[in-house]
N, C-alpha and C. Protein backbone atom coordinates (compact mmCIF):
# COMPACT_ATOMS: atom_id res chain seq x y z
N MET A 1 0.94 -1.39 -0.02
CA MET A 1 0.05 -0.05 -0.04
C MET A 1 0.41 1.39 0.20
N LEU A 2 0.26 2.19 -0.33
CA LEU A 2 0.83 3.55 -0.83
C LEU A 2 0.59 4.36 0.37
N TYR A 3 1.39 5.29 0.97
CA TYR A 3 0.55 5.91 1.53
C TYR A 3 1.21 7.69 1.83
N ARG A 4 0.54 8.43 1.98
CA ARG A 4 1.12 10.22 2.17
C ARG A 4 0.86 10.42 3.41
N THR A 5 2.13 11.60 3.54
CA THR A 5 2.01 11.99 4.56
C THR A 5 1.60 13.62 4.41
N MET A 6 0.69 13.76 5.86
CA MET A 6 -0.28 14.79 5.86
C MET A 6 0.38 15.76 6.97
N LYS A 7 0.33 16.51 7.19
CA LYS A 7 0.72 17.72 8.44
C LYS A 7 -0.09 17.03 9.70
N LYS A 8 -1.10 17.34 9.79
CA LYS A 8 -1.36 16.42 11.25
C LYS A 8 -2.05 15.30 11.00
N ALA A 9 -1.64 14.29 10.08
CA ALA A 9 -2.42 12.92 9.91
C ALA A 9 -0.91 12.33 10.84
N ALA A 10 -1.25 11.51 11.56
CA ALA A 10 -0.08 10.15 11.85
C ALA A 10 -0.76 9.03 12.38
N PRO A 11 -0.60 7.64 12.27
CA PRO A 11 0.20 7.39 10.84
C PRO A 11 -0.07 8.43 9.23
N ASP A 12 0.82 8.07 8.47
CA ASP A 12 0.41 8.52 7.01
C ASP A 12 -0.51 7.65 6.37
N LEU A 13 -1.29 8.70 5.53
CA LEU A 13 -2.97 8.09 5.28
C LEU A 13 -2.47 7.35 4.07
N SER A 14 -3.59 6.36 3.71
CA SER A 14 -3.15 5.47 2.41
C SER A 14 -3.92 5.98 1.60
N ILE A 15 -3.20 6.04 0.37
CA ILE A 15 -3.60 6.71 -1.13
C ILE A 15 -5.13 6.14 -1.58
N LEU A 16 -5.43 4.89 -1.17
CA LEU A 16 -6.81 4.11 -1.44
C LEU A 16 -7.25 4.32 0.11
N GLY A 17 -8.83 4.91 0.07
CA GLY A 17 -9.64 4.56 1.38
C GLY A 17 -10.97 3.83 1.10
N PHE A 18 -11.60 3.22 1.90
CA PHE A 18 -12.49 2.73 1.94
C PHE A 18 -14.03 3.24 1.65
N GLY A 19 -14.58 3.56 0.67
CA GLY A 19 -15.61 4.16 1.09
C GLY A 19 -17.67 3.80 1.40
N CYS A 20 -17.77 4.10 2.18
CA CYS A 20 -19.16 3.47 2.88
C CYS A 20 -20.36 3.54 2.41
N MET A 21 -20.40 4.54 0.80
CA MET A 21 -21.90 4.89 0.85
C MET A 21 -22.65 3.95 -0.17
N ARG A 22 -21.90 3.19 -0.49
CA ARG A 22 -22.55 1.96 -1.10
C ARG A 22 -22.11 0.19 -1.10
N LEU A 23 -22.63 0.10 0.39
CA LEU A 23 -22.29 -1.35 0.59
C LEU A 23 -22.71 -2.30 -0.03
N PRO A 24 -22.62 -3.67 0.37
CA PRO A 24 -23.09 -4.99 -0.46
C PRO A 24 -24.83 -4.34 0.39
N LEU A 25 -25.99 -4.97 -0.22
CA LEU A 25 -27.21 -5.55 0.14
C LEU A 25 -27.58 -7.06 0.02
N ASN A 26 -28.63 -7.60 1.44
CA ASN A 26 -29.12 -8.42 0.64
C ASN A 26 -30.06 -8.56 0.36
N GLU A 27 -31.04 -9.60 0.05
CA GLU A 27 -32.23 -9.45 -0.64
C GLU A 27 -32.92 -8.72 -0.32
N SER A 28 -33.22 -8.48 1.20
CA SER A 28 -34.02 -7.39 1.72
C SER A 28 -34.19 -5.85 1.48
N GLY A 29 -32.64 -5.60 0.68
CA GLY A 29 -32.47 -4.39 0.44
C GLY A 29 -31.27 -3.73 1.36
N GLN A 30 -31.22 -4.37 2.60
CA GLN A 30 -30.43 -3.64 3.42
C GLN A 30 -29.04 -4.28 3.82
N ILE A 31 -28.21 -3.49 4.43
CA ILE A 31 -26.86 -3.54 4.21
C ILE A 31 -26.46 -5.24 4.70
N ASP A 32 -25.50 -5.57 3.92
CA ASP A 32 -25.59 -7.65 4.24
C ASP A 32 -23.81 -6.97 4.72
N GLU A 33 -24.41 -7.14 6.25
CA GLU A 33 -23.70 -6.69 7.30
C GLU A 33 -22.36 -7.46 7.47
N ASP A 34 -22.65 -8.84 7.75
CA ASP A 34 -20.98 -9.63 7.64
C ASP A 34 -20.18 -9.46 6.00
N GLU A 35 -20.73 -9.38 5.06
CA GLU A 35 -20.23 -9.07 3.92
C GLU A 35 -19.56 -7.65 3.98
N ALA A 36 -20.61 -6.43 3.91
CA ALA A 36 -19.44 -5.09 4.53
C ALA A 36 -18.70 -5.91 5.82
N THR A 37 -18.70 -5.72 6.80
CA THR A 37 -17.86 -5.63 8.00
C THR A 37 -16.15 -6.92 7.23
N GLY A 38 -16.71 -7.95 6.28
CA GLY A 38 -15.77 -8.86 5.66
C GLY A 38 -14.42 -7.93 4.47
N MET A 39 -15.44 -7.08 3.82
CA MET A 39 -14.65 -6.30 3.33
C MET A 39 -14.04 -5.15 3.58
N ILE A 40 -14.54 -4.10 4.80
CA ILE A 40 -13.66 -3.27 5.45
C ILE A 40 -12.99 -3.88 6.02
N ARG A 41 -12.50 -5.00 6.51
CA ARG A 41 -11.70 -5.74 7.70
C ARG A 41 -10.38 -5.89 6.64
N TYR A 42 -10.96 -6.35 5.73
CA TYR A 42 -10.20 -7.08 4.44
C TYR A 42 -9.16 -5.96 3.76
N ALA A 43 -9.78 -4.73 3.87
CA ALA A 43 -9.33 -3.46 2.90
C ALA A 43 -8.34 -3.11 4.34
N ILE A 44 -8.67 -3.50 5.14
CA ILE A 44 -7.82 -2.82 6.53
C ILE A 44 -6.60 -3.66 6.67
N ASP A 45 -6.75 -4.76 6.52
CA ASP A 45 -5.73 -5.94 6.44
C ASP A 45 -4.87 -5.62 5.53
N GLN A 46 -5.55 -4.95 4.39
CA GLN A 46 -4.33 -5.43 3.41
C GLN A 46 -3.20 -3.80 3.55
N GLY A 47 -3.95 -2.59 4.35
CA GLY A 47 -2.89 -1.60 4.25
C GLY A 47 -3.86 -0.74 4.51
N VAL A 48 -5.16 -0.39 3.98
CA VAL A 48 -6.07 0.71 4.10
C VAL A 48 -6.66 1.28 5.04
N ASN A 49 -6.12 2.95 5.63
CA ASN A 49 -6.78 3.40 6.43
C ASN A 49 -7.23 4.45 6.88
N TYR A 50 -8.00 4.53 6.07
CA TYR A 50 -8.97 5.59 5.91
C TYR A 50 -10.13 5.34 5.22
N ILE A 51 -11.43 5.28 6.16
CA ILE A 51 -13.04 4.75 5.99
C ILE A 51 -13.80 6.02 6.25
N ASP A 52 -14.29 6.23 4.92
CA ASP A 52 -14.92 7.07 4.71
C ASP A 52 -16.93 6.85 5.05
N THR A 53 -17.53 7.81 5.54
CA THR A 53 -18.95 7.13 6.01
C THR A 53 -19.87 8.96 6.32
N ALA A 54 -20.79 8.40 6.01
CA ALA A 54 -21.76 9.50 6.67
C ALA A 54 -23.12 9.40 6.76
N TYR A 55 -23.71 10.42 7.57
CA TYR A 55 -24.79 10.26 7.99
C TYR A 55 -25.67 9.88 7.16
N PRO A 56 -26.23 9.95 6.35
CA PRO A 56 -27.13 9.60 5.09
C PRO A 56 -27.38 8.60 4.63
N TYR A 57 -26.02 7.88 4.78
CA TYR A 57 -25.80 6.97 3.63
C TYR A 57 -26.50 5.70 4.03
N HIS A 58 -26.93 4.82 3.25
CA HIS A 58 -28.19 3.71 3.56
C HIS A 58 -28.90 3.99 4.68
N ASN A 59 -29.32 5.30 4.15
CA ASN A 59 -30.63 5.96 5.18
C ASN A 59 -30.54 5.53 6.41
N GLY A 60 -28.94 6.00 7.06
CA GLY A 60 -28.76 6.11 8.00
C GLY A 60 -28.04 4.71 8.83
N GLU A 61 -27.71 4.16 8.35
CA GLU A 61 -27.36 2.57 8.67
C GLU A 61 -25.84 2.52 8.32
N SER A 62 -25.28 3.14 7.37
CA SER A 62 -23.78 3.38 7.29
C SER A 62 -23.23 3.37 8.33
N GLU A 63 -23.31 4.57 8.90
CA GLU A 63 -22.23 4.96 10.27
C GLU A 63 -22.29 3.74 11.41
N PRO A 64 -23.80 3.15 11.58
CA PRO A 64 -23.43 1.93 12.64
C PRO A 64 -23.03 0.97 12.28
N VAL A 65 -23.34 0.57 11.18
CA VAL A 65 -22.55 -0.62 10.36
C VAL A 65 -20.95 -0.43 10.69
N VAL A 66 -20.66 0.61 10.12
CA VAL A 66 -19.10 0.98 10.18
C VAL A 66 -18.35 0.71 11.49
N GLY A 67 -19.49 1.40 12.36
CA GLY A 67 -18.94 1.09 14.17
C GLY A 67 -18.60 0.02 14.14
N ARG A 68 -20.02 -0.79 14.18
CA ARG A 68 -19.66 -2.62 14.32
C ARG A 68 -18.21 -3.70 13.44
N ALA A 69 -17.94 -2.87 12.28
CA ALA A 69 -17.03 -3.66 11.70
C ALA A 69 -16.12 -2.85 12.18
N LEU A 70 -15.38 -1.71 13.00
CA LEU A 70 -14.40 -1.47 13.49
C LEU A 70 -14.25 -1.75 14.53
N ALA A 71 -15.26 -2.66 14.97
CA ALA A 71 -14.76 -2.84 16.74
C ALA A 71 -13.53 -4.45 16.63
N GLU A 72 -13.14 -4.59 17.44
CA GLU A 72 -12.56 -5.96 17.69
C GLU A 72 -10.91 -5.45 17.21
N GLY A 73 -10.51 -4.04 17.57
CA GLY A 73 -9.31 -3.66 17.53
C GLY A 73 -9.03 -2.28 15.86
N TYR A 74 -10.41 -3.17 15.57
CA TYR A 74 -10.04 -2.46 13.85
C TYR A 74 -10.40 -0.65 13.66
N ARG A 75 -10.83 -0.02 14.96
CA ARG A 75 -10.78 1.35 14.91
C ARG A 75 -9.23 2.22 15.27
N GLU A 76 -8.78 1.15 15.92
CA GLU A 76 -7.76 1.86 16.27
C GLU A 76 -6.40 1.72 14.80
N LYS A 77 -6.74 0.98 14.41
CA LYS A 77 -6.14 0.88 12.94
C LYS A 77 -6.60 1.94 11.65
N VAL A 78 -7.12 2.91 12.20
CA VAL A 78 -7.68 3.90 10.78
C VAL A 78 -7.93 5.47 11.25
N HIS A 79 -7.92 5.98 9.75
CA HIS A 79 -8.69 7.21 10.42
C HIS A 79 -9.91 6.99 9.77
N LEU A 80 -10.73 8.05 10.46
CA LEU A 80 -12.28 7.70 10.26
C LEU A 80 -12.64 9.27 9.76
N ALA A 81 -13.30 8.79 9.03
CA ALA A 81 -13.98 10.44 8.73
C ALA A 81 -15.57 10.15 8.49
N THR A 82 -15.86 11.11 8.53
CA THR A 82 -17.60 11.14 8.29
C THR A 82 -18.03 12.71 8.28
N LYS A 83 -18.94 12.96 7.99
CA LYS A 83 -19.48 14.25 7.54
C LYS A 83 -21.19 15.05 8.07
N LEU A 84 -20.80 15.97 8.58
CA LEU A 84 -21.97 16.97 8.92
C LEU A 84 -22.89 17.22 8.13
N PRO A 85 -24.50 16.94 8.47
CA PRO A 85 -25.25 16.72 7.24
C PRO A 85 -25.74 18.39 7.21
N SER A 86 -24.88 19.09 6.17
CA SER A 86 -24.90 20.46 6.28
C SER A 86 -26.78 21.04 5.77
N TRP A 87 -27.69 20.20 5.16
CA TRP A 87 -28.83 20.29 4.50
C TRP A 87 -30.04 20.18 6.05
N LEU A 88 -29.31 19.42 7.30
CA LEU A 88 -30.19 19.14 7.78
C LEU A 88 -30.37 20.53 8.99
N ILE A 89 -29.27 21.04 9.23
CA ILE A 89 -28.84 21.72 10.48
C ILE A 89 -29.59 23.33 10.20
N LYS A 90 -30.38 23.36 11.50
CA LYS A 90 -31.13 24.77 11.68
C LYS A 90 -31.00 25.63 12.50
N SER A 91 -29.42 25.14 13.40
CA SER A 91 -29.43 25.66 14.93
C SER A 91 -28.21 24.91 15.41
N ARG A 92 -27.07 26.05 16.14
CA ARG A 92 -25.81 25.58 16.68
C ARG A 92 -25.98 24.31 17.38
N GLU A 93 -27.05 24.50 17.89
CA GLU A 93 -27.25 23.21 18.79
C GLU A 93 -27.50 21.65 18.11
N GLU A 94 -27.85 21.99 16.92
CA GLU A 94 -28.14 20.49 15.86
C GLU A 94 -26.70 19.92 15.80
N MET A 95 -26.00 21.22 15.61
CA MET A 95 -24.49 20.60 15.28
C MET A 95 -23.59 19.94 16.46
N ASP A 96 -24.09 20.05 17.27
CA ASP A 96 -23.56 19.22 18.93
C ASP A 96 -24.20 17.58 18.58
N LYS A 97 -25.48 18.17 18.40
CA LYS A 97 -26.61 16.83 18.43
C LYS A 97 -26.31 15.96 17.38
N TYR A 98 -25.99 16.22 16.11
CA TYR A 98 -25.54 15.65 15.04
C TYR A 98 -24.07 14.61 15.30
N LEU A 99 -23.02 15.68 15.58
CA LEU A 99 -21.82 15.38 15.95
C LEU A 99 -22.07 13.98 17.35
N ASP A 100 -22.31 14.17 18.74
CA ASP A 100 -23.11 13.59 19.34
C ASP A 100 -23.67 11.72 19.02
N GLU A 101 -24.42 12.16 17.90
CA GLU A 101 -25.12 10.80 17.49
C GLU A 101 -24.59 10.23 16.41
N GLN A 102 -23.38 10.79 16.11
CA GLN A 102 -22.53 10.04 15.07
C GLN A 102 -21.42 9.40 15.59
N LEU A 103 -21.06 10.29 16.94
CA LEU A 103 -20.03 9.56 17.75
C LEU A 103 -20.76 7.97 18.32
N ALA A 104 -21.64 8.04 18.87
CA ALA A 104 -22.87 7.07 19.63
C ALA A 104 -22.57 5.94 18.31
N ARG A 105 -23.14 6.38 16.77
CA ARG A 105 -23.58 5.26 16.08
C ARG A 105 -22.31 4.91 15.14
N LEU A 106 -21.51 5.30 15.61
CA LEU A 106 -19.78 4.71 14.86
C LEU A 106 -19.12 4.70 16.26
N ARG A 107 -19.50 3.98 17.51
CA ARG A 107 -19.34 3.64 18.77
C ARG A 107 -17.59 4.05 18.88
N THR A 108 -17.48 5.39 18.58
CA THR A 108 -15.94 5.96 18.98
C THR A 108 -15.97 6.97 19.88
N ASP A 109 -14.87 7.42 20.43
CA ASP A 109 -15.00 8.57 20.99
C ASP A 109 -14.60 9.78 20.09
N SER A 110 -13.82 9.49 19.17
CA SER A 110 -13.50 10.56 18.43
C SER A 110 -14.02 10.24 16.99
N ILE A 111 -13.75 11.70 15.72
CA ILE A 111 -13.76 10.86 14.65
C ILE A 111 -12.07 12.11 13.94
N ASP A 112 -12.00 11.10 13.02
CA ASP A 112 -10.60 12.02 12.76
C ASP A 112 -10.38 13.06 11.75
N PHE A 113 -12.09 12.83 11.16
CA PHE A 113 -12.04 13.95 9.64
C PHE A 113 -13.28 14.07 10.04
N TYR A 114 -14.25 15.25 9.80
CA TYR A 114 -15.13 15.85 10.26
C TYR A 114 -15.39 16.56 8.83
N LEU A 115 -16.17 16.18 7.86
CA LEU A 115 -16.36 16.94 6.89
C LEU A 115 -17.58 17.93 6.87
N LEU A 116 -17.95 18.76 5.62
CA LEU A 116 -19.01 18.97 5.93
C LEU A 116 -19.61 18.82 4.47
N HIS A 117 -20.79 18.04 4.77
CA HIS A 117 -21.62 17.53 3.70
C HIS A 117 -22.35 18.33 2.89
N GLY A 118 -21.94 17.87 1.24
CA GLY A 118 -23.55 18.52 0.60
C GLY A 118 -23.32 20.13 0.57
N LEU A 119 -21.73 20.59 0.86
CA LEU A 119 -21.56 22.00 0.77
C LEU A 119 -21.78 22.99 -0.31
N ASN A 120 -22.91 23.66 -0.24
CA ASN A 120 -23.06 24.75 -1.13
C ASN A 120 -23.09 26.21 -0.65
N GLU A 121 -22.98 26.92 -1.94
CA GLU A 121 -23.15 28.51 -0.91
C GLU A 121 -24.66 28.67 -0.19
N PRO A 122 -25.79 27.91 -0.73
CA PRO A 122 -26.58 28.63 0.34
C PRO A 122 -26.46 27.94 2.00
N PHE A 123 -25.78 26.33 1.79
CA PHE A 123 -25.78 25.73 2.91
C PHE A 123 -24.54 26.37 3.78
N TRP A 124 -23.49 26.83 2.98
CA TRP A 124 -22.45 27.79 3.90
C TRP A 124 -22.82 28.66 4.40
N GLU A 125 -23.56 29.43 3.64
CA GLU A 125 -24.11 30.94 4.55
C GLU A 125 -24.65 30.47 5.67
N ASN A 126 -25.64 29.30 5.62
CA ASN A 126 -26.73 29.00 6.94
C ASN A 126 -25.83 28.45 7.75
N LEU A 127 -25.05 27.54 8.02
CA LEU A 127 -23.77 27.41 8.74
C LEU A 127 -22.90 27.79 8.94
N SER A 128 -22.28 28.94 8.23
CA SER A 128 -21.66 30.33 8.76
C SER A 128 -22.11 30.97 9.74
N ALA A 129 -23.31 31.05 9.26
CA ALA A 129 -24.27 32.24 10.33
C ALA A 129 -24.77 31.94 11.09
N LEU A 130 -24.88 30.25 11.30
CA LEU A 130 -24.59 29.25 12.90
C LEU A 130 -23.27 29.53 13.94
N GLY A 131 -22.54 29.55 12.80
CA GLY A 131 -21.30 29.34 14.09
C GLY A 131 -20.55 28.07 13.80
N VAL A 132 -20.44 27.53 12.28
CA VAL A 132 -19.96 26.22 12.37
C VAL A 132 -18.36 25.76 12.41
N THR A 133 -17.87 27.47 12.25
CA THR A 133 -15.94 27.14 12.32
C THR A 133 -16.20 27.19 13.89
N ASP A 134 -16.80 27.98 14.87
CA ASP A 134 -16.16 27.74 16.64
C ASP A 134 -16.91 26.47 17.00
N PHE A 135 -18.03 25.78 16.35
CA PHE A 135 -18.55 24.47 16.62
C PHE A 135 -17.41 23.62 15.85
N LEU A 136 -16.56 23.60 14.79
CA LEU A 136 -15.69 22.91 14.76
C LEU A 136 -14.32 23.04 15.59
N ASP A 137 -13.83 24.44 15.68
CA ASP A 137 -12.70 24.67 16.93
C ASP A 137 -13.39 24.16 18.31
N ASP A 138 -14.75 24.19 18.88
CA ASP A 138 -14.78 23.27 20.25
C ASP A 138 -14.89 22.27 20.04
N ALA A 139 -14.74 21.18 18.74
CA ALA A 139 -15.04 20.11 19.19
C ALA A 139 -13.55 19.54 19.20
N ILE A 140 -12.44 20.18 18.39
CA ILE A 140 -11.21 20.30 18.76
C ILE A 140 -10.94 20.20 19.96
N ALA A 141 -11.18 21.04 20.33
CA ALA A 141 -10.11 21.60 21.81
C ALA A 141 -10.78 20.54 22.31
N ASP A 142 -12.16 19.96 22.78
CA ASP A 142 -12.45 18.96 23.38
C ASP A 142 -11.26 17.68 23.00
N GLU A 143 -11.47 17.29 21.74
CA GLU A 143 -10.56 16.41 22.03
C GLU A 143 -9.07 16.22 22.82
N GLN A 144 -8.26 17.56 22.20
CA GLN A 144 -6.92 18.36 22.48
C GLN A 144 -6.89 18.14 24.18
N SER A 145 -7.92 18.54 25.04
CA SER A 145 -7.96 18.47 26.40
C SER A 145 -7.80 17.43 27.02
N ASP A 146 -8.81 16.25 26.11
CA ASP A 146 -8.55 14.64 26.83
C ASP A 146 -7.19 13.85 25.89
N MET A 147 -6.38 14.54 25.40
CA MET A 147 -4.96 14.13 24.98
C MET A 147 -4.08 14.66 25.92
N PRO A 148 -2.97 13.17 26.29
CA PRO A 148 -2.10 13.33 27.08
C PRO A 148 -0.83 15.05 26.82
N ASP A 149 -0.79 14.89 25.56
CA ASP A 149 0.05 15.75 24.61
C ASP A 149 -0.82 16.67 23.48
N SER A 150 -1.38 17.81 23.74
CA SER A 150 -2.20 18.43 23.03
C SER A 150 -1.04 18.81 21.73
N HIS A 151 0.03 18.75 21.93
CA HIS A 151 0.89 19.21 21.01
C HIS A 151 1.94 18.36 19.83
N SER A 152 1.02 17.02 20.01
CA SER A 152 1.52 16.19 19.32
C SER A 152 1.08 16.42 18.00
N THR A 153 1.73 15.41 17.16
CA THR A 153 1.16 15.20 15.75
C THR A 153 0.36 14.41 15.16
N THR A 154 -0.09 14.16 16.12
CA THR A 154 -1.45 13.24 16.07
C THR A 154 -2.62 13.78 14.99
N THR A 155 -3.54 12.91 14.73
CA THR A 155 -4.68 13.51 13.74
C THR A 155 -5.32 14.21 14.84
N ARG A 156 -6.34 15.49 14.26
CA ARG A 156 -6.95 16.01 15.62
C ARG A 156 -8.28 15.42 14.87
N ARG A 157 -8.54 15.32 16.03
CA ARG A 157 -9.97 14.32 16.06
C ARG A 157 -11.35 15.11 16.99
N PHE A 158 -11.97 14.91 16.65
CA PHE A 158 -13.56 15.56 16.83
C PHE A 158 -14.13 14.95 17.83
N SER A 159 -14.77 15.48 18.99
CA SER A 159 -15.19 14.47 19.96
C SER A 159 -16.02 15.66 20.19
N LYS A 160 -17.17 15.19 21.56
CA LYS A 160 -18.01 15.82 22.37
C LYS A 160 -17.75 15.25 23.86
N ARG A 161 -17.24 15.89 25.45
CA ARG A 161 -17.86 15.67 26.05
C ARG A 161 -18.84 15.35 26.72
N SER A 162 -18.85 14.35 27.30
CA SER A 162 -20.57 14.13 28.17
C SER A 162 -20.82 15.52 28.96
């Protein structure tokens, strides 16, 4: 596997990531969790260390499946990315609500890359007016205050403390 160095990401990122927008389905149209878990873990075992999902993928089922697939030590092997559903945000409090929900769905206490999903000019204007940059700064600060060495070169993670 080839890797790329990113300034704030340690270890380096694999040049291939595993996207979880189109996971395999069973006959009833639901995610085939055994097959999806096998695929995700196989990719990780082969050196892929960037896993990408999002709140709406598979009608909201991708994040929970990914969270379960990353059990048994797989979470510690990857950079995990998910996305704030920008079209659903109507208040600053909803940003916190979605992040907390996503952390629970992913069964993790941190997200390595938190992206703004479906961003366009109207959504950016809304998020900006609601204070999205402060929200992101606060989420980073929450995680860094929990880290033993906040000056390390580890990935900036997004988390919320209870």
